Each structure stands twice: as C-alpha cells, then as structure tokens.
C-alpha cells in the first residue's frame, strides 16, 4: 500500500475542502496541491461572477497553472460546489494537468446545500482529459468533522487505489 503515490489537487475558499483534502492526504501520505484563483475580481461582485462562471463551466487563471501528475498512481480532486457545479479553479486545474492520460481519478466536493450537477460535471471533465473517473462523491459541510463520513471517503480513495 505504501508504494501507491497519490496526488490530491484541491481548491478551497472557506477551508472546508482543504480540511477534507488534508484528512485524505494524511491517511495516504499523499502529495497535496492547493490551487488558487489569481484573477482579480471586484470584491463585492466576486462571488456572483464566479458562480456564473461555475454555471457556465468556465475556467479562471490559477496558481500553480499546471500540475504534472505523471509520477502518481492516482489523482484526487477536491472542490467546493458553486451554483451546483465544481469551481472554475478546479476546472482550470484539471485542464492544465500534465501526464494525466489514463490515470485513475477520484473527485469529491463539499457543499452547504445540494451538490446539483457537481458529480456529473467532475466526471465529464476527468473523462475529457483522458483520465478514468473511478469514484465521484460529495460531502455536506456539516459532515466534514464527522469521523465516519471522512473514513468513508478515505475508504473510497483506498478502494480506488486497488483498481
């Protein structure tokens, strides 16, 4: 098991997605890359603009612009849910991947209401880059401290490693 190399790529605004990603990272001694939005938005309209971009499945400027995952056996993506979709930041991260062809991928999202089309959208973006979506799931923000829910997510990643 220790031979498996896992890369976790996440975008987190409030810290919920980062929190979950850190749990997974520590369970597998995985490499965690947090991707951030580098585009500048008006402070007041930022969230509305970004939700509109999320709905339209647009991408934004990110740091790091590209992650090379060729040395990893599995990649895990984490994103908050905005307007029932993953964020423009994680979309740009998936789009900018290097060495991702044929890689198994797991994706999770954190949400405060309903995940909407997040799971299907994640799956589509992963497949569009030639990766294999092994598991896609979501976790309510009220459950991010729930040990049972986190264990379920870790078990999901663990099962994906064996594929």
C-alpha atoms as a PDB file:
ATOM      1  CA  UNK A   1       0.000   0.000   0.000  1.00  0.00           C
ATOM      2  CA  UNK A   2       2.818   2.414   0.830  1.00  0.00           C
ATOM      3  CA  UNK A   3       4.012   2.078  -2.766  1.00  0.00           C
ATOM      4  CA  UNK A   4       0.987   3.905  -4.139  1.00  0.00           C
ATOM      5  CA  UNK A   5       1.680   7.522  -4.955  1.00  0.00           C
ATOM      6  CA  UNK A   6      -1.355   9.781  -4.651  1.00  0.00           C
ATOM      7  CA  UNK A   7      -1.645  13.429  -5.640  1.00  0.00           C
ATOM      8  CA  UNK A   8      -4.512  15.479  -4.240  1.00  0.00           C
ATOM      9  CA  UNK A   9      -5.397  18.678  -6.079  1.00  0.00           C
ATOM     10  CA  UNK A  10      -7.909  20.883  -4.332  1.00  0.00           C
ATOM     11  CA  UNK A  11      -9.455  24.321  -4.393  1.00  0.00           C
ATOM     12  CA  UNK A  12     -10.814  25.683  -1.141  1.00  0.00           C
ATOM     13  CA  UNK A  13     -12.317  29.072  -0.330  1.00  0.00           C
ATOM     14  CA  UNK A  14     -13.780  28.674   3.164  1.00  0.00           C
ATOM     15  CA  UNK A  15     -11.379  25.927   4.238  1.00  0.00           C
ATOM     16  CA  UNK A  16     -13.912  23.051   4.154  1.00  0.00           C
ATOM     17  CA  UNK A  17     -12.496  21.387   1.039  1.00  0.00           C
ATOM     18  CA  UNK A  18      -8.907  21.876   2.291  1.00  0.00           C
ATOM     19  CA  UNK A  19      -9.889  20.272   5.602  1.00  0.00           C
ATOM     20  CA  UNK A  20     -11.214  17.150   3.867  1.00  0.00           C
ATOM     21  CA  UNK A  21      -8.231  17.047   1.469  1.00  0.00           C
ATOM     22  CA  UNK A  22      -5.819  17.192   4.423  1.00  0.00           C
ATOM     23  CA  UNK A  23      -7.592  14.222   6.044  1.00  0.00           C
ATOM     24  CA  UNK A  24      -7.151  12.189   2.852  1.00  0.00           C
ATOM     25  CA  UNK A  25      -3.552  13.366   2.428  1.00  0.00           C
ATOM     26  CA  UNK A  26      -2.586  12.271   5.948  1.00  0.00           C
ATOM     27  CA  UNK A  27      -4.323   8.897   5.557  1.00  0.00           C
ATOM     28  CA  UNK A  28      -2.200   8.093   2.482  1.00  0.00           C
ATOM     29  CA  UNK A  29       0.855  10.296   2.962  1.00  0.00           C
ATOM     30  CA  UNK A  30      -0.264  11.899  -0.299  1.00  0.00           C
ATOM     31  CA  UNK A  31       1.084  14.995  -2.017  1.00  0.00           C
ATOM     32  CA  UNK A  32      -1.404  17.871  -1.596  1.00  0.00           C
ATOM     33  CA  UNK A  33      -1.533  20.744  -4.078  1.00  0.00           C
ATOM     34  CA  UNK A  34      -3.872  23.604  -3.298  1.00  0.00           C
ATOM     35  CA  UNK A  35      -4.801  25.584  -6.378  1.00  0.00           C
ATOM     36  CA  UNK A  36      -5.753  29.236  -6.013  1.00  0.00           C
ATOM     37  CA  UNK A  37      -7.501  31.764  -8.217  1.00  0.00           C
ATOM     38  CA  UNK A  38      -5.119  34.518  -9.385  1.00  0.00           C
ATOM     39  CA  UNK A  39      -7.627  36.516 -11.446  1.00  0.00           C
ATOM     40  CA  UNK A  40      -8.700  39.781  -9.868  1.00  0.00           C
ATOM     41  CA  UNK A  41     -12.370  40.412  -9.269  1.00  0.00           C
ATOM     42  CA  UNK A  42     -14.346  43.217  -7.711  1.00  0.00           C
ATOM     43  CA  UNK A  43     -14.660  42.330  -4.028  1.00  0.00           C
ATOM     44  CA  UNK A  44     -18.403  42.926  -3.976  1.00  0.00           C
ATOM     45  CA  UNK A  45     -19.354  41.100  -7.161  1.00  0.00           C
ATOM     46  CA  UNK A  46     -16.688  38.370  -6.994  1.00  0.00           C
ATOM     47  CA  UNK A  47     -18.906  35.572  -5.698  1.00  0.00           C
ATOM     48  CA  UNK A  48     -21.710  36.279  -8.188  1.00  0.00           C
ATOM     49  CA  UNK A  49     -19.263  36.444 -11.089  1.00  0.00           C
ATOM     50  CA  UNK A  50     -17.625  33.183 -10.006  1.00  0.00           C
ATOM     51  CA  UNK A  51     -20.967  31.409  -9.559  1.00  0.00           C
ATOM     52  CA  UNK A  52     -21.965  32.498 -13.055  1.00  0.00           C
ATOM     53  CA  UNK A  53     -18.617  31.179 -14.349  1.00  0.00           C
ATOM     54  CA  UNK A  54     -19.176  27.902 -12.467  1.00  0.00           C
ATOM     55  CA  UNK A  55     -22.632  27.515 -14.030  1.00  0.00           C
ATOM     56  CA  UNK A  56     -21.120  28.053 -17.468  1.00  0.00           C
ATOM     57  CA  UNK A  57     -18.289  25.611 -16.666  1.00  0.00           C
ATOM     58  CA  UNK A  58     -15.746  28.315 -17.409  1.00  0.00           C
ATOM     59  CA  UNK A  59     -12.140  28.378 -16.210  1.00  0.00           C
ATOM     60  CA  UNK A  60     -10.108  31.073 -14.458  1.00  0.00           C
ATOM     61  CA  UNK A  61      -6.415  31.918 -14.026  1.00  0.00           C
ATOM     62  CA  UNK A  62      -4.815  29.732 -11.388  1.00  0.00           C
ATOM     63  CA  UNK A  63      -1.624  29.160  -9.433  1.00  0.00           C
ATOM     64  CA  UNK A  64       0.011  26.730  -9.989  1.00  0.00           C
ATOM     65  CA  UNK A  65      -1.099  26.933 -13.637  1.00  0.00           C
ATOM     66  CA  UNK A  66      -0.185  23.298 -14.229  1.00  0.00           C
ATOM     67  CA  UNK A  67       0.466  20.173 -12.159  1.00  0.00           C
ATOM     68  CA  UNK A  68       2.431  17.227 -13.539  1.00  0.00           C
ATOM     69  CA  UNK A  69       0.851  14.022 -12.227  1.00  0.00           C
ATOM     70  CA  UNK A  70       2.827  11.581 -14.392  1.00  0.00           C
ATOM     71  CA  UNK A  71       4.647  10.205 -11.323  1.00  0.00           C
ATOM     72  CA  UNK A  72       1.431   9.411  -9.438  1.00  0.00           C
ATOM     73  CA  UNK A  73      -0.746   6.294  -9.423  1.00  0.00           C
ATOM     74  CA  UNK A  74      -3.953   8.126  -8.511  1.00  0.00           C
ATOM     75  CA  UNK A  75      -5.158  11.710  -8.531  1.00  0.00           C
ATOM     76  CA  UNK A  76      -7.840  13.070  -6.189  1.00  0.00           C
ATOM     77  CA  UNK A  77      -9.659  16.334  -6.925  1.00  0.00           C
ATOM     78  CA  UNK A  78     -11.487  18.407  -4.331  1.00  0.00           C
ATOM     79  CA  UNK A  79     -13.736  21.400  -4.924  1.00  0.00           C
ATOM     80  CA  UNK A  80     -16.472  23.377  -3.235  1.00  0.00           C
ATOM     81  CA  UNK A  81     -19.834  23.435  -5.007  1.00  0.00           C
ATOM     82  CA  UNK A  82     -20.735  26.781  -6.543  1.00  0.00           C
ATOM     83  CA  UNK A  83     -24.092  27.146  -8.302  1.00  0.00           C
ATOM     84  CA  UNK A  84     -24.419  23.319  -8.347  1.00  0.00           C
ATOM     85  CA  UNK A  85     -21.078  22.787 -10.165  1.00  0.00           C
ATOM     86  CA  UNK A  86     -17.380  22.420  -9.289  1.00  0.00           C
ATOM     87  CA  UNK A  87     -15.469  25.737  -9.314  1.00  0.00           C
ATOM     88  CA  UNK A  88     -13.769  27.445 -12.292  1.00  0.00           C
ATOM     89  CA  UNK A  89     -10.496  26.995 -10.337  1.00  0.00           C
ATOM     90  CA  UNK A  90     -10.663  23.181 -10.224  1.00  0.00           C
ATOM     91  CA  UNK A  91     -11.815  23.158 -13.861  1.00  0.00           C
ATOM     92  CA  UNK A  92      -8.688  25.113 -14.835  1.00  0.00           C
ATOM     93  CA  UNK A  93      -6.557  22.766 -12.690  1.00  0.00           C
ATOM     94  CA  UNK A  94      -7.930  19.668 -14.439  1.00  0.00           C
ATOM     95  CA  UNK A  95      -7.493  21.371 -17.800  1.00  0.00           C
ATOM     96  CA  UNK A  96      -3.860  22.258 -17.031  1.00  0.00           C
ATOM     97  CA  UNK A  97      -2.741  18.806 -15.892  1.00  0.00           C
ATOM     98  CA  UNK A  98       0.337  17.207 -17.400  1.00  0.00           C
ATOM     99  CA  UNK A  99       0.860  13.445 -17.615  1.00  0.00           C
ATOM    100  CA  UNK A 100      -2.758  12.586 -16.843  1.00  0.00           C
ATOM    101  CA  UNK A 101      -3.621  10.238 -19.728  1.00  0.00           C
ATOM    102  CA  UNK A 102      -5.215   7.023 -18.459  1.00  0.00           C
ATOM    103  CA  UNK A 103      -4.790   7.928 -14.772  1.00  0.00           C
ATOM    104  CA  UNK A 104      -7.475   6.816 -12.335  1.00  0.00           C
ATOM    105  CA  UNK A 105      -9.116   9.769 -10.610  1.00  0.00           C
ATOM    106  CA  UNK A 106     -11.350  10.339  -7.602  1.00  0.00           C
ATOM    107  CA  UNK A 107     -13.236  13.596  -7.084  1.00  0.00           C
ATOM    108  CA  UNK A 108     -15.064  14.964  -4.067  1.00  0.00           C
ATOM    109  CA  UNK A 109     -16.923  18.177  -3.438  1.00  0.00           C
ATOM    110  CA  UNK A 110     -18.015  19.960  -0.286  1.00  0.00           C
ATOM    111  CA  UNK A 111     -21.360  21.729  -0.225  1.00  0.00           C
ATOM    112  CA  UNK A 112     -23.741  23.534   2.108  1.00  0.00           C
ATOM    113  CA  UNK A 113     -26.934  22.782   0.225  1.00  0.00           C
ATOM    114  CA  UNK A 114     -27.196  20.348  -2.636  1.00  0.00           C
ATOM    115  CA  UNK A 115     -24.394  19.231  -4.958  1.00  0.00           C
ATOM    116  CA  UNK A 116     -26.592  19.636  -8.038  1.00  0.00           C
ATOM    117  CA  UNK A 117     -24.698  18.580 -11.182  1.00  0.00           C
ATOM    118  CA  UNK A 118     -21.284  18.609  -9.467  1.00  0.00           C
ATOM    119  CA  UNK A 119     -20.638  14.848  -9.616  1.00  0.00           C
ATOM    120  CA  UNK A 120     -21.577  14.519 -13.302  1.00  0.00           C
ATOM    121  CA  UNK A 121     -19.603  17.645 -14.217  1.00  0.00           C
ATOM    122  CA  UNK A 122     -16.485  16.400 -12.398  1.00  0.00           C
ATOM    123  CA  UNK A 123     -16.814  13.037 -14.177  1.00  0.00           C
ATOM    124  CA  UNK A 124     -17.103  14.741 -17.586  1.00  0.00           C
ATOM    125  CA  UNK A 125     -14.056  16.991 -17.020  1.00  0.00           C
ATOM    126  CA  UNK A 126     -11.987  13.995 -15.851  1.00  0.00           C
ATOM    127  CA  UNK A 127     -13.001  11.914 -18.880  1.00  0.00           C
ATOM    128  CA  UNK A 128     -12.378  14.868 -21.223  1.00  0.00           C
ATOM    129  CA  UNK A 129      -8.718  14.808 -20.126  1.00  0.00           C
ATOM    130  CA  UNK A 130      -8.382  11.077 -20.776  1.00  0.00           C
ATOM    131  CA  UNK A 131      -8.469  10.045 -17.145  1.00  0.00           C
ATOM    132  CA  UNK A 132     -10.656   7.343 -15.632  1.00  0.00           C
ATOM    133  CA  UNK A 133     -13.181   8.581 -13.040  1.00  0.00           C
ATOM    134  CA  UNK A 134     -13.139   5.754 -10.505  1.00  0.00           C
ATOM    135  CA  UNK A 135     -15.269   7.480  -7.879  1.00  0.00           C
ATOM    136  CA  UNK A 136     -17.022  10.824  -7.568  1.00  0.00           C
ATOM    137  CA  UNK A 137     -18.710  11.830  -4.333  1.00  0.00           C
ATOM    138  CA  UNK A 138     -19.714  14.815  -2.226  1.00  0.00           C
ATOM    139  CA  UNK A 139     -19.799  15.674   1.448  1.00  0.00           C
ATOM    140  CA  UNK A 140     -22.017  18.193   3.236  1.00  0.00           C
ATOM    141  CA  UNK A 141     -20.085  20.885   5.123  1.00  0.00           C
ATOM    142  CA  UNK A 142     -21.814  19.769   8.341  1.00  0.00           C
ATOM    143  CA  UNK A 143     -20.125  16.371   7.931  1.00  0.00           C
ATOM    144  CA  UNK A 144     -16.518  17.484   7.453  1.00  0.00           C
ATOM    145  CA  UNK A 145     -15.817  16.885  11.156  1.00  0.00           C
ATOM    146  CA  UNK A 146     -17.789  13.632  11.078  1.00  0.00           C
ATOM    147  CA  UNK A 147     -15.206  10.879  11.524  1.00  0.00           C
ATOM    148  CA  UNK A 148     -17.476   8.248   9.940  1.00  0.00           C
ATOM    149  CA  UNK A 149     -18.009  10.350   6.789  1.00  0.00           C
ATOM    150  CA  UNK A 150     -14.277  11.084   6.476  1.00  0.00           C
ATOM    151  CA  UNK A 151     -13.482   7.371   6.959  1.00  0.00           C
ATOM    152  CA  UNK A 152     -15.971   6.547   4.165  1.00  0.00           C
ATOM    153  CA  UNK A 153     -14.186   8.996   1.861  1.00  0.00           C
ATOM    154  CA  UNK A 154     -10.762   7.592   2.773  1.00  0.00           C
ATOM    155  CA  UNK A 155     -12.108   4.057   2.146  1.00  0.00           C
ATOM    156  CA  UNK A 156     -13.381   5.216  -1.266  1.00  0.00           C
ATOM    157  CA  UNK A 157      -9.920   6.525  -2.157  1.00  0.00           C
ATOM    158  CA  UNK A 158      -8.342   3.338  -0.805  1.00  0.00           C
ATOM    159  CA  UNK A 159     -10.630   1.180  -2.969  1.00  0.00           C
ATOM    160  CA  UNK A 160      -9.762   3.345  -5.979  1.00  0.00           C
ATOM    161  CA  UNK A 161      -6.066   2.679  -5.457  1.00  0.00           C
ATOM    162  CA  UNK A 162      -6.645  -1.047  -5.932  1.00  0.00           C
ATOM    163  CA  UNK A 163      -8.379  -0.614  -9.299  1.00  0.00           C
END
